[in-house]
Amino acid sequence: MINLLITLVVVGIILWLINTYIPMDGKIKSIVNIVVVIAVIIYLLRFAGIA
């Protein structure tokens, strides 16, 4: 359970750093955010044993 929490915090910090400090177009930033959110959802489903 702690591993899950640490993973979510690290992914959140990395996504925040990308959104804050890497200049890119808004469309590309949105795509990156969507891909990361989908990856986290899949990770959570696998962690829960659903997928």
N, C-alpha and C. Protein backbone atom coordinates (compact mmCIF):
# COMPACT_ATOMS: atom_id res chain seq x y z
N MET A 1 0.82 -1.19 0.00
CA MET A 1 0.00 0.00 0.00
C MET A 1 0.87 1.26 0.00
N ILE A 2 1.96 1.24 0.75
CA ILE A 2 2.87 2.39 0.75
C ILE A 2 3.52 2.56 -0.62
N ASN A 3 3.80 1.43 -1.28
CA ASN A 3 4.37 1.47 -2.62
C ASN A 3 3.43 2.19 -3.58
N LEU A 4 2.15 1.93 -3.46
CA LEU A 4 1.15 2.59 -4.30
C LEU A 4 1.14 4.08 -4.05
N LEU A 5 1.15 4.47 -2.80
CA LEU A 5 1.12 5.88 -2.44
C LEU A 5 2.37 6.61 -2.94
N ILE A 6 3.52 6.00 -2.75
CA ILE A 6 4.77 6.61 -3.22
C ILE A 6 4.76 6.76 -4.74
N THR A 7 4.27 5.75 -5.43
CA THR A 7 4.20 5.81 -6.90
C THR A 7 3.30 6.94 -7.36
N LEU A 8 2.14 7.08 -6.74
CA LEU A 8 1.21 8.15 -7.12
C LEU A 8 1.81 9.53 -6.85
N VAL A 9 2.49 9.68 -5.74
CA VAL A 9 3.12 10.97 -5.41
C VAL A 9 4.22 11.30 -6.42
N VAL A 10 5.05 10.32 -6.75
CA VAL A 10 6.14 10.55 -7.70
C VAL A 10 5.59 10.91 -9.08
N VAL A 11 4.58 10.18 -9.53
CA VAL A 11 3.99 10.48 -10.84
C VAL A 11 3.38 11.88 -10.83
N GLY A 12 2.71 12.24 -9.75
CA GLY A 12 2.12 13.57 -9.64
C GLY A 12 3.16 14.67 -9.68
N ILE A 13 4.26 14.47 -8.96
CA ILE A 13 5.32 15.48 -8.95
C ILE A 13 5.96 15.60 -10.34
N ILE A 14 6.21 14.47 -10.99
CA ILE A 14 6.81 14.52 -12.33
C ILE A 14 5.87 15.22 -13.31
N LEU A 15 4.58 14.92 -13.24
CA LEU A 15 3.62 15.56 -14.14
C LEU A 15 3.56 17.06 -13.86
N TRP A 16 3.60 17.46 -12.60
CA TRP A 16 3.59 18.88 -12.25
C TRP A 16 4.84 19.57 -12.78
N LEU A 17 6.00 18.92 -12.62
CA LEU A 17 7.25 19.50 -13.12
C LEU A 17 7.21 19.67 -14.64
N ILE A 18 6.69 18.67 -15.34
CA ILE A 18 6.59 18.77 -16.80
C ILE A 18 5.67 19.92 -17.18
N ASN A 19 4.52 20.03 -16.53
CA ASN A 19 3.56 21.08 -16.86
C ASN A 19 4.07 22.47 -16.50
N THR A 20 4.89 22.56 -15.47
CA THR A 20 5.35 23.87 -15.00
C THR A 20 6.60 24.35 -15.73
N TYR A 21 7.57 23.48 -15.92
CA TYR A 21 8.89 23.93 -16.36
C TYR A 21 9.25 23.60 -17.81
N ILE A 22 8.49 22.76 -18.48
CA ILE A 22 8.81 22.45 -19.87
C ILE A 22 7.82 23.19 -20.76
N PRO A 23 8.33 24.13 -21.54
CA PRO A 23 7.42 24.89 -22.42
C PRO A 23 6.98 24.03 -23.61
N MET A 24 5.69 23.91 -23.79
CA MET A 24 5.15 23.20 -24.94
C MET A 24 3.75 23.71 -25.22
N ASP A 25 3.27 23.38 -26.39
CA ASP A 25 1.96 23.81 -26.81
C ASP A 25 0.88 23.23 -25.89
N GLY A 26 -0.21 23.92 -25.74
CA GLY A 26 -1.29 23.48 -24.86
C GLY A 26 -1.89 22.15 -25.27
N LYS A 27 -1.97 21.91 -26.58
CA LYS A 27 -2.54 20.65 -27.07
C LYS A 27 -1.63 19.48 -26.69
N ILE A 28 -0.35 19.65 -26.85
CA ILE A 28 0.60 18.59 -26.52
C ILE A 28 0.58 18.34 -25.01
N LYS A 29 0.50 19.41 -24.24
CA LYS A 29 0.45 19.28 -22.78
C LYS A 29 -0.81 18.52 -22.36
N SER A 30 -1.92 18.79 -23.02
CA SER A 30 -3.16 18.07 -22.71
C SER A 30 -3.03 16.59 -23.04
N ILE A 31 -2.42 16.28 -24.17
CA ILE A 31 -2.23 14.89 -24.56
C ILE A 31 -1.34 14.16 -23.55
N VAL A 32 -0.27 14.82 -23.12
CA VAL A 32 0.62 14.21 -22.12
C VAL A 32 -0.14 13.95 -20.83
N ASN A 33 -0.95 14.91 -20.40
CA ASN A 33 -1.73 14.75 -19.17
C ASN A 33 -2.71 13.59 -19.29
N ILE A 34 -3.39 13.47 -20.41
CA ILE A 34 -4.35 12.39 -20.62
C ILE A 34 -3.66 11.04 -20.62
N VAL A 35 -2.52 10.95 -21.30
CA VAL A 35 -1.78 9.69 -21.34
C VAL A 35 -1.33 9.28 -19.93
N VAL A 36 -0.85 10.22 -19.16
CA VAL A 36 -0.40 9.90 -17.80
C VAL A 36 -1.58 9.48 -16.93
N VAL A 37 -2.70 10.16 -17.04
CA VAL A 37 -3.88 9.79 -16.25
C VAL A 37 -4.37 8.39 -16.62
N ILE A 38 -4.40 8.07 -17.90
CA ILE A 38 -4.83 6.73 -18.33
C ILE A 38 -3.85 5.68 -17.81
N ALA A 39 -2.55 5.96 -17.87
CA ALA A 39 -1.55 5.02 -17.37
C ALA A 39 -1.72 4.79 -15.87
N VAL A 40 -2.01 5.85 -15.11
CA VAL A 40 -2.21 5.72 -13.67
C VAL A 40 -3.48 4.91 -13.37
N ILE A 41 -4.53 5.14 -14.14
CA ILE A 41 -5.77 4.37 -13.95
C ILE A 41 -5.52 2.89 -14.20
N ILE A 42 -4.80 2.58 -15.28
CA ILE A 42 -4.48 1.18 -15.57
C ILE A 42 -3.63 0.59 -14.47
N TYR A 43 -2.66 1.35 -13.95
CA TYR A 43 -1.82 0.88 -12.85
C TYR A 43 -2.67 0.61 -11.60
N LEU A 44 -3.60 1.49 -11.30
CA LEU A 44 -4.46 1.29 -10.13
C LEU A 44 -5.35 0.07 -10.30
N LEU A 45 -5.87 -0.14 -11.50
CA LEU A 45 -6.71 -1.32 -11.74
C LEU A 45 -5.90 -2.60 -11.61
N ARG A 46 -4.68 -2.60 -12.11
CA ARG A 46 -3.82 -3.79 -11.96
C ARG A 46 -3.45 -4.01 -10.51
N PHE A 47 -3.20 -2.92 -9.77
CA PHE A 47 -2.86 -3.04 -8.36
C PHE A 47 -4.02 -3.63 -7.57
N ALA A 48 -5.23 -3.26 -7.95
CA ALA A 48 -6.42 -3.77 -7.27
C ALA A 48 -6.80 -5.16 -7.74
N GLY A 49 -6.16 -5.64 -8.81
CA GLY A 49 -6.45 -6.98 -9.32
C GLY A 49 -7.65 -7.04 -10.23
N ILE A 50 -8.11 -5.90 -10.71
CA ILE A 50 -9.28 -5.86 -11.58
C ILE A 50 -8.91 -6.10 -13.03
N ALA A 51 -7.79 -5.55 -13.45
CA ALA A 51 -7.39 -5.69 -14.86
C ALA A 51 -6.19 -6.59 -14.99
